[in-house]
Amino acid sequence: MDYTILQTAADTDSVIDALTTLAPGWSDRTGIEHAQGWTTVPMEPRTASQFAPLLANLLGRGVLVWTVDAEHCRVSLHRANGSVVDAVDRPDQVDEVARAFHESHLLVSTEGEKDKTALAAAASDPARSPNDRHQAFSELLGVPHVAPTRPPAPNPTAPSLTSASAPLGTDQFRRRERIRSTRSWLHLFSGLGGVAIVLLVIQGPWLLIPVFLVVIGVLQVIRFWIGRSLPPGDAKSRPVTLG
């Protein structure tokens, strides 16, 4: 099956929120995957080419667009500064995208060292299928290899915002991101307070248990209060990422 996917190193909620900011009405998560810190969104080719540069600017990080058909494996790296680097099965283009990718500090793979030269060669080998080239190129970059088995979900096919009007939604999006991060930290501190209570039950002094209960209660009230401005269904905890 021919397919196009958009990939970026962000959690699913952030990507969906960013897409919703760019095109209100984006709600169907069918086919969206998250692995190794990367979120993958199946899209139509034209849709991906329109959303990718705006999404890179909004998230402040690179966005990869892979298009695989019967003959070619195409990849475009959209960077937050607006530049785009493309590769279509040619060794020099593969090297250029890989170099630009690593310069952007997007490599997050934790797998063992692999033969980068062999992977680069496989990514442009015409004897391989386009999907195999996609897999080799993904391993070269250190991103998950995702090949959808179904058409993309019926979401908006064009962004409502343009490169000129996108800054209007950027402040609101980043404010929601700060709220989510704050709520995650509050949830973490509440969990640590729960651990402290267990230790106090075991070792004492028990007099401190009510203090920790009050602190946890206050943290949860604050977490609930600041989460009221988040989109419905999104006021939930997410793991805190260090670094």
C-alpha atoms as a PDB file:
ATOM      1  CA  MET A   1       0.000   0.000   0.000  1.00  0.00           C
ATOM      2  CA  ASP A   2       1.220   3.494  -0.826  1.00  0.00           C
ATOM      3  CA  TYR A   3       1.398   5.700   2.248  1.00  0.00           C
ATOM      4  CA  THR A   4       2.528   9.030   3.636  1.00  0.00           C
ATOM      5  CA  ILE A   5       3.355   9.606   7.288  1.00  0.00           C
ATOM      6  CA  LEU A   6       4.432  12.600   9.307  1.00  0.00           C
ATOM      7  CA  GLN A   7       6.816  12.008  12.221  1.00  0.00           C
ATOM      8  CA  THR A   8       8.070  14.293  14.970  1.00  0.00           C
ATOM      9  CA  ALA A   9       9.799  13.811  18.326  1.00  0.00           C
ATOM     10  CA  ALA A  10       6.885  14.814  20.559  1.00  0.00           C
ATOM     11  CA  ASP A  11       4.193  13.099  22.582  1.00  0.00           C
ATOM     12  CA  THR A  12       0.863  12.334  20.942  1.00  0.00           C
ATOM     13  CA  ASP A  13      -1.146  14.889  22.945  1.00  0.00           C
ATOM     14  CA  SER A  14       1.185  17.719  21.913  1.00  0.00           C
ATOM     15  CA  VAL A  15       1.026  16.711  18.250  1.00  0.00           C
ATOM     16  CA  ILE A  16      -2.774  16.433  18.254  1.00  0.00           C
ATOM     17  CA  ASP A  17      -3.071  19.760  20.081  1.00  0.00           C
ATOM     18  CA  ALA A  18      -0.748  21.379  17.529  1.00  0.00           C
ATOM     19  CA  LEU A  19      -2.713  19.926  14.615  1.00  0.00           C
ATOM     20  CA  THR A  20      -5.942  21.115  16.217  1.00  0.00           C
ATOM     21  CA  THR A  21      -4.436  24.578  16.605  1.00  0.00           C
ATOM     22  CA  LEU A  22      -3.573  24.605  12.903  1.00  0.00           C
ATOM     23  CA  ALA A  23      -6.906  23.098  11.814  1.00  0.00           C
ATOM     24  CA  PRO A  24      -9.757  23.035  14.362  1.00  0.00           C
ATOM     25  CA  GLY A  25     -11.659  19.798  13.929  1.00  0.00           C
ATOM     26  CA  TRP A  26      -8.683  17.477  13.993  1.00  0.00           C
ATOM     27  CA  SER A  27      -9.827  14.857  16.471  1.00  0.00           C
ATOM     28  CA  ASP A  28      -9.581  11.366  14.965  1.00  0.00           C
ATOM     29  CA  ARG A  29      -6.497   9.549  16.305  1.00  0.00           C
ATOM     30  CA  THR A  30      -6.987   6.454  14.151  1.00  0.00           C
ATOM     31  CA  GLY A  31      -3.645   5.149  12.972  1.00  0.00           C
ATOM     32  CA  ILE A  32      -1.571   7.537  15.084  1.00  0.00           C
ATOM     33  CA  GLU A  33       1.323   5.747  16.795  1.00  0.00           C
ATOM     34  CA  HIS A  34       3.871   6.707  19.438  1.00  0.00           C
ATOM     35  CA  ALA A  35       7.164   4.854  19.877  1.00  0.00           C
ATOM     36  CA  GLN A  36      10.693   5.702  21.016  1.00  0.00           C
ATOM     37  CA  GLY A  37       9.612   9.287  21.746  1.00  0.00           C
ATOM     38  CA  TRP A  38       8.263   9.816  18.206  1.00  0.00           C
ATOM     39  CA  THR A  39       4.659  10.352  17.145  1.00  0.00           C
ATOM     40  CA  THR A  40       3.618   9.157  13.685  1.00  0.00           C
ATOM     41  CA  VAL A  41       0.535  10.522  11.907  1.00  0.00           C
ATOM     42  CA  PRO A  42      -0.704   9.000   8.614  1.00  0.00           C
ATOM     43  CA  MET A  43      -1.762  11.696   6.135  1.00  0.00           C
ATOM     44  CA  GLU A  44      -2.467  12.255   2.481  1.00  0.00           C
ATOM     45  CA  PRO A  45       0.682  13.499   0.679  1.00  0.00           C
ATOM     46  CA  ARG A  46      -0.700  16.973  -0.020  1.00  0.00           C
ATOM     47  CA  THR A  47      -2.000  17.302   3.535  1.00  0.00           C
ATOM     48  CA  ALA A  48       1.378  16.369   4.997  1.00  0.00           C
ATOM     49  CA  SER A  49       3.220  18.874   2.794  1.00  0.00           C
ATOM     50  CA  GLN A  50       0.919  21.651   4.023  1.00  0.00           C
ATOM     51  CA  PHE A  51       0.958  20.782   7.700  1.00  0.00           C
ATOM     52  CA  ALA A  52       4.634  19.805   8.146  1.00  0.00           C
ATOM     53  CA  PRO A  53       6.262  23.277   7.932  1.00  0.00           C
ATOM     54  CA  LEU A  54       3.606  24.856  10.152  1.00  0.00           C
ATOM     55  CA  LEU A  55       3.855  22.005  12.661  1.00  0.00           C
ATOM     56  CA  ALA A  56       7.659  22.296  12.784  1.00  0.00           C
ATOM     57  CA  ASN A  57       7.344  25.997  13.546  1.00  0.00           C
ATOM     58  CA  LEU A  58       4.651  25.467  16.178  1.00  0.00           C
ATOM     59  CA  LEU A  59       6.434  22.628  17.990  1.00  0.00           C
ATOM     60  CA  GLY A  60       9.865  24.214  17.562  1.00  0.00           C
ATOM     61  CA  ARG A  61      11.381  20.952  16.330  1.00  0.00           C
ATOM     62  CA  GLY A  62      11.964  19.039  13.118  1.00  0.00           C
ATOM     63  CA  VAL A  63       9.223  17.162  11.284  1.00  0.00           C
ATOM     64  CA  LEU A  64       9.837  14.262   8.893  1.00  0.00           C
ATOM     65  CA  VAL A  65       7.467  13.475   6.047  1.00  0.00           C
ATOM     66  CA  TRP A  66       7.829  10.034   4.438  1.00  0.00           C
ATOM     67  CA  THR A  67       6.021   9.174   1.199  1.00  0.00           C
ATOM     68  CA  VAL A  68       6.374   5.591  -0.018  1.00  0.00           C
ATOM     69  CA  ASP A  69       4.812   4.351  -3.258  1.00  0.00           C
ATOM     70  CA  ALA A  70       5.449   1.542  -5.720  1.00  0.00           C
ATOM     71  CA  GLU A  71       8.695   3.088  -6.988  1.00  0.00           C
ATOM     72  CA  HIS A  72      10.118   5.609  -4.531  1.00  0.00           C
ATOM     73  CA  CYS A  73      10.767   6.389  -0.896  1.00  0.00           C
ATOM     74  CA  ARG A  74      10.707  10.145  -0.462  1.00  0.00           C
ATOM     75  CA  VAL A  75      11.571  11.933   2.763  1.00  0.00           C
ATOM     76  CA  SER A  76      11.508  15.616   3.641  1.00  0.00           C
ATOM     77  CA  LEU A  77      12.988  17.097   6.795  1.00  0.00           C
ATOM     78  CA  HIS A  78      11.147  20.290   7.750  1.00  0.00           C
ATOM     79  CA  ARG A  79      13.088  22.262  10.331  1.00  0.00           C
ATOM     80  CA  ALA A  80      11.780  24.837  12.786  1.00  0.00           C
ATOM     81  CA  ASN A  81      13.705  27.605  10.999  1.00  0.00           C
ATOM     82  CA  GLY A  82      11.633  26.993   7.858  1.00  0.00           C
ATOM     83  CA  SER A  83      14.303  25.173   5.820  1.00  0.00           C
ATOM     84  CA  VAL A  84      13.513  21.870   4.093  1.00  0.00           C
ATOM     85  CA  VAL A  85      15.883  19.080   3.034  1.00  0.00           C
ATOM     86  CA  ASP A  86      14.622  16.335   0.690  1.00  0.00           C
ATOM     87  CA  ALA A  87      15.814  12.923  -0.448  1.00  0.00           C
ATOM     88  CA  VAL A  88      14.419  10.622  -3.163  1.00  0.00           C
ATOM     89  CA  ASP A  89      16.467   7.417  -3.391  1.00  0.00           C
ATOM     90  CA  ARG A  90      19.760   9.136  -4.273  1.00  0.00           C
ATOM     91  CA  PRO A  91      22.868   8.494  -2.132  1.00  0.00           C
ATOM     92  CA  ASP A  92      23.925  12.162  -2.073  1.00  0.00           C
ATOM     93  CA  GLN A  93      20.449  13.231  -0.989  1.00  0.00           C
ATOM     94  CA  VAL A  94      20.312  10.516   1.673  1.00  0.00           C
ATOM     95  CA  ASP A  95      23.629  11.767   3.060  1.00  0.00           C
ATOM     96  CA  GLU A  96      22.412  15.367   3.015  1.00  0.00           C
ATOM     97  CA  VAL A  97      19.216  14.580   4.923  1.00  0.00           C
ATOM     98  CA  ALA A  98      21.095  12.418   7.445  1.00  0.00           C
ATOM     99  CA  ARG A  99      23.653  15.178   8.030  1.00  0.00           C
ATOM    100  CA  ALA A 100      20.965  17.853   8.439  1.00  0.00           C
ATOM    101  CA  PHE A 101      19.019  15.556  10.743  1.00  0.00           C
ATOM    102  CA  HIS A 102      21.967  14.972  13.051  1.00  0.00           C
ATOM    103  CA  GLU A 103      22.877  18.662  13.044  1.00  0.00           C
ATOM    104  CA  SER A 104      19.374  19.391  14.306  1.00  0.00           C
ATOM    105  CA  HIS A 105      19.991  17.150  17.342  1.00  0.00           C
ATOM    106  CA  LEU A 106      16.968  15.060  16.524  1.00  0.00           C
ATOM    107  CA  LEU A 107      18.610  11.662  16.905  1.00  0.00           C
ATOM    108  CA  VAL A 108      17.058   9.983  19.940  1.00  0.00           C
ATOM    109  CA  SER A 109      17.680   6.307  19.196  1.00  0.00           C
ATOM    110  CA  THR A 110      18.913   4.269  22.159  1.00  0.00           C
ATOM    111  CA  GLU A 111      19.698   1.154  20.119  1.00  0.00           C
ATOM    112  CA  GLY A 112      23.203  -0.192  19.715  1.00  0.00           C
ATOM    113  CA  GLU A 113      25.579   1.072  17.079  1.00  0.00           C
ATOM    114  CA  LYS A 114      24.783  -0.048  13.535  1.00  0.00           C
ATOM    115  CA  ASP A 115      26.687   0.087  10.283  1.00  0.00           C
ATOM    116  CA  LYS A 116      25.685   3.576   9.146  1.00  0.00           C
ATOM    117  CA  THR A 117      27.400   3.146   5.792  1.00  0.00           C
ATOM    118  CA  ALA A 118      25.428  -0.023   5.045  1.00  0.00           C
ATOM    119  CA  LEU A 119      22.167   1.597   6.135  1.00  0.00           C
ATOM    120  CA  ALA A 120      22.823   4.653   3.958  1.00  0.00           C
ATOM    121  CA  ALA A 121      23.509   2.386   0.996  1.00  0.00           C
ATOM    122  CA  ALA A 122      20.365   0.358   1.648  1.00  0.00           C
ATOM    123  CA  ALA A 123      18.285   3.555   1.861  1.00  0.00           C
ATOM    124  CA  SER A 124      19.088   4.328  -1.783  1.00  0.00           C
ATOM    125  CA  ASP A 125      19.439   0.805  -3.184  1.00  0.00           C
ATOM    126  CA  PRO A 126      17.126   0.438  -6.235  1.00  0.00           C
ATOM    127  CA  ALA A 127      17.212  -3.342  -5.813  1.00  0.00           C
ATOM    128  CA  ARG A 128      15.300  -2.973  -2.554  1.00  0.00           C
ATOM    129  CA  SER A 129      11.588  -2.236  -2.303  1.00  0.00           C
ATOM    130  CA  PRO A 130      10.605   1.340  -1.383  1.00  0.00           C
ATOM    131  CA  ASN A 131       9.379   0.084   1.999  1.00  0.00           C
ATOM    132  CA  ASP A 132      12.717  -1.623   2.662  1.00  0.00           C
ATOM    133  CA  ARG A 133      14.473   1.634   1.743  1.00  0.00           C
ATOM    134  CA  HIS A 134      12.191   3.429   4.182  1.00  0.00           C
ATOM    135  CA  GLN A 135      13.110   0.969   6.926  1.00  0.00           C
ATOM    136  CA  ALA A 136      16.845   1.346   6.280  1.00  0.00           C
ATOM    137  CA  PHE A 137      16.587   5.137   6.202  1.00  0.00           C
ATOM    138  CA  SER A 138      14.573   5.134   9.434  1.00  0.00           C
ATOM    139  CA  GLU A 139      17.249   3.032  11.133  1.00  0.00           C
ATOM    140  CA  LEU A 140      19.921   5.348   9.785  1.00  0.00           C
ATOM    141  CA  LEU A 141      18.190   8.321  11.396  1.00  0.00           C
ATOM    142  CA  GLY A 142      17.199   6.434  14.532  1.00  0.00           C
ATOM    143  CA  VAL A 143      13.439   6.909  14.207  1.00  0.00           C
ATOM    144  CA  PRO A 144      10.710   4.238  14.325  1.00  0.00           C
ATOM    145  CA  HIS A 145       9.860   2.576  11.033  1.00  0.00           C
ATOM    146  CA  VAL A 146       6.079   2.802  10.599  1.00  0.00           C
ATOM    147  CA  ALA A 147       4.224   1.500   7.547  1.00  0.00           C
ATOM    148  CA  PRO A 148       0.455   2.095   7.859  1.00  0.00           C
ATOM    149  CA  THR A 149      -1.881  -0.696   6.777  1.00  0.00           C
ATOM    150  CA  ARG A 150      -4.971   1.482   6.362  1.00  0.00           C
ATOM    151  CA  PRO A 151      -5.801   4.861   4.787  1.00  0.00           C
ATOM    152  CA  PRO A 152      -5.410   7.965   6.984  1.00  0.00           C
ATOM    153  CA  ALA A 153      -8.324   9.066   9.161  1.00  0.00           C
ATOM    154  CA  PRO A 154     -10.815  11.612   7.756  1.00  0.00           C
ATOM    155  CA  ASN A 155      -9.352  14.702   9.374  1.00  0.00           C
ATOM    156  CA  PRO A 156      -9.007  18.227   7.897  1.00  0.00           C
ATOM    157  CA  THR A 157      -7.086  18.209   4.630  1.00  0.00           C
ATOM    158  CA  ALA A 158      -5.740  21.749   4.906  1.00  0.00           C
ATOM    159  CA  PRO A 159      -4.643  23.986   7.791  1.00  0.00           C
ATOM    160  CA  SER A 160      -6.809  26.947   8.701  1.00  0.00           C
ATOM    161  CA  LEU A 161      -3.702  28.915   9.623  1.00  0.00           C
ATOM    162  CA  THR A 162      -0.987  29.958   7.191  1.00  0.00           C
ATOM    163  CA  SER A 163       2.670  30.793   7.731  1.00  0.00           C
ATOM    164  CA  ALA A 164       1.560  34.422   8.143  1.00  0.00           C
ATOM    165  CA  SER A 165      -1.257  33.780  10.613  1.00  0.00           C
ATOM    166  CA  ALA A 166       0.307  30.841  12.501  1.00  0.00           C
ATOM    167  CA  PRO A 167       1.824  33.102  15.215  1.00  0.00           C
ATOM    168  CA  LEU A 168      -1.734  33.919  16.300  1.00  0.00           C
ATOM    169  CA  GLY A 169      -2.173  30.358  17.567  1.00  0.00           C
ATOM    170  CA  THR A 170       1.381  29.833  18.780  1.00  0.00           C
ATOM    171  CA  ASP A 171       1.013  31.666  22.097  1.00  0.00           C
ATOM    172  CA  GLN A 172      -2.141  29.772  23.022  1.00  0.00           C
ATOM    173  CA  PHE A 173      -0.589  26.424  22.073  1.00  0.00           C
ATOM    174  CA  ARG A 174       2.592  27.025  24.058  1.00  0.00           C
ATOM    175  CA  ARG A 175       0.582  28.217  27.039  1.00  0.00           C
ATOM    176  CA  ARG A 176      -1.291  24.887  27.021  1.00  0.00           C
ATOM    177  CA  GLU A 177       2.049  23.072  26.802  1.00  0.00           C
ATOM    178  CA  ARG A 178       3.295  24.935  29.890  1.00  0.00           C
ATOM    179  CA  ILE A 179       0.095  24.027  31.732  1.00  0.00           C
ATOM    180  CA  ARG A 180       0.479  20.343  30.835  1.00  0.00           C
ATOM    181  CA  SER A 181       4.094  20.358  31.991  1.00  0.00           C
ATOM    182  CA  THR A 182       3.159  22.041  35.287  1.00  0.00           C
ATOM    183  CA  ARG A 183       0.348  19.548  35.891  1.00  0.00           C
ATOM    184  CA  SER A 184       2.715  16.663  35.233  1.00  0.00           C
ATOM    185  CA  TRP A 185       5.176  17.976  37.820  1.00  0.00           C
ATOM    186  CA  LEU A 186       2.362  18.481  40.351  1.00  0.00           C
ATOM    187  CA  HIS A 187       1.217  14.917  39.739  1.00  0.00           C
ATOM    188  CA  LEU A 188       4.793  13.670  40.217  1.00  0.00           C
ATOM    189  CA  PHE A 189       5.192  15.560  43.498  1.00  0.00           C
ATOM    190  CA  SER A 190       1.851  14.174  44.699  1.00  0.00           C
ATOM    191  CA  GLY A 191       3.085  10.676  43.932  1.00  0.00           C
ATOM    192  CA  LEU A 192       6.285  11.308  45.876  1.00  0.00           C
ATOM    193  CA  GLY A 193       4.144  12.522  48.762  1.00  0.00           C
ATOM    194  CA  GLY A 194       2.229   9.237  48.640  1.00  0.00           C
ATOM    195  CA  VAL A 195       5.511   7.313  48.828  1.00  0.00           C
ATOM    196  CA  ALA A 196       6.550   9.432  51.811  1.00  0.00           C
ATOM    197  CA  ILE A 197       3.280   8.579  53.585  1.00  0.00           C
ATOM    198  CA  VAL A 198       3.904   4.857  53.083  1.00  0.00           C
ATOM    199  CA  LEU A 199       7.381   5.243  54.586  1.00  0.00           C
ATOM    200  CA  LEU A 200       5.940   7.190  57.518  1.00  0.00           C
ATOM    201  CA  VAL A 201       3.385   4.452  58.145  1.00  0.00           C
ATOM    202  CA  ILE A 202       6.229   1.928  58.269  1.00  0.00           C
ATOM    203  CA  GLN A 203       8.852   3.945  60.114  1.00  0.00           C
ATOM    204  CA  GLY A 204       7.050   6.941  61.613  1.00  0.00           C
ATOM    205  CA  PRO A 205       6.619   9.515  62.921  1.00  0.00           C
ATOM    206  CA  TRP A 206       2.901   9.235  62.195  1.00  0.00           C
ATOM    207  CA  LEU A 207       2.338  12.863  63.177  1.00  0.00           C
ATOM    208  CA  LEU A 208       3.716  13.939  59.795  1.00  0.00           C
ATOM    209  CA  ILE A 209       1.176  11.905  57.813  1.00  0.00           C
ATOM    210  CA  PRO A 210      -1.607  14.557  58.053  1.00  0.00           C
ATOM    211  CA  VAL A 211       0.885  17.190  56.834  1.00  0.00           C
ATOM    212  CA  PHE A 212       1.685  15.176  53.719  1.00  0.00           C
ATOM    213  CA  LEU A 213      -2.015  14.483  53.140  1.00  0.00           C
ATOM    214  CA  VAL A 214      -2.726  18.206  53.203  1.00  0.00           C
ATOM    215  CA  VAL A 215       0.171  18.948  50.849  1.00  0.00           C
ATOM    216  CA  ILE A 216      -1.015  16.268  48.395  1.00  0.00           C
ATOM    217  CA  GLY A 217      -4.554  17.630  48.577  1.00  0.00           C
ATOM    218  CA  VAL A 218      -3.386  21.167  47.828  1.00  0.00           C
ATOM    219  CA  LEU A 219      -1.253  20.006  44.905  1.00  0.00           C
ATOM    220  CA  GLN A 220      -4.173  18.093  43.399  1.00  0.00           C
ATOM    221  CA  VAL A 221      -6.523  21.061  43.786  1.00  0.00           C
ATOM    222  CA  ILE A 222      -4.015  23.316  42.020  1.00  0.00           C
ATOM    223  CA  ARG A 223      -3.535  20.687  39.316  1.00  0.00           C
ATOM    224  CA  PHE A 224      -7.284  20.456  38.746  1.00  0.00           C
ATOM    225  CA  TRP A 225      -7.739  24.231  38.735  1.00  0.00           C
ATOM    226  CA  ILE A 226      -5.045  25.007  36.179  1.00  0.00           C
ATOM    227  CA  GLY A 227      -6.201  22.095  34.009  1.00  0.00           C
ATOM    228  CA  ARG A 228      -9.634  23.614  33.436  1.00  0.00           C
ATOM    229  CA  SER A 229      -8.303  25.645  30.504  1.00  0.00           C
ATOM    230  CA  LEU A 230      -7.106  22.546  28.633  1.00  0.00           C
ATOM    231  CA  PRO A 231      -9.210  21.016  25.821  1.00  0.00           C
ATOM    232  CA  PRO A 232     -11.852  18.488  26.989  1.00  0.00           C
ATOM    233  CA  GLY A 233     -10.364  15.055  27.538  1.00  0.00           C
ATOM    234  CA  ASP A 234      -6.835  16.435  27.645  1.00  0.00           C
ATOM    235  CA  ALA A 235      -6.692  17.397  31.326  1.00  0.00           C
ATOM    236  CA  LYS A 236      -4.747  14.321  32.331  1.00  0.00           C
ATOM    237  CA  SER A 237      -1.277  13.583  33.480  1.00  0.00           C
ATOM    238  CA  ARG A 238       1.581  12.850  31.135  1.00  0.00           C
ATOM    239  CA  PRO A 239       5.040  11.573  32.036  1.00  0.00           C
ATOM    240  CA  VAL A 240       7.554  14.241  32.938  1.00  0.00           C
ATOM    241  CA  THR A 241      10.510  14.212  30.550  1.00  0.00           C
ATOM    242  CA  LEU A 242      13.827  15.161  32.044  1.00  0.00           C
ATOM    243  CA  GLY A 243      16.492  16.856  29.944  1.00  0.00           C
END
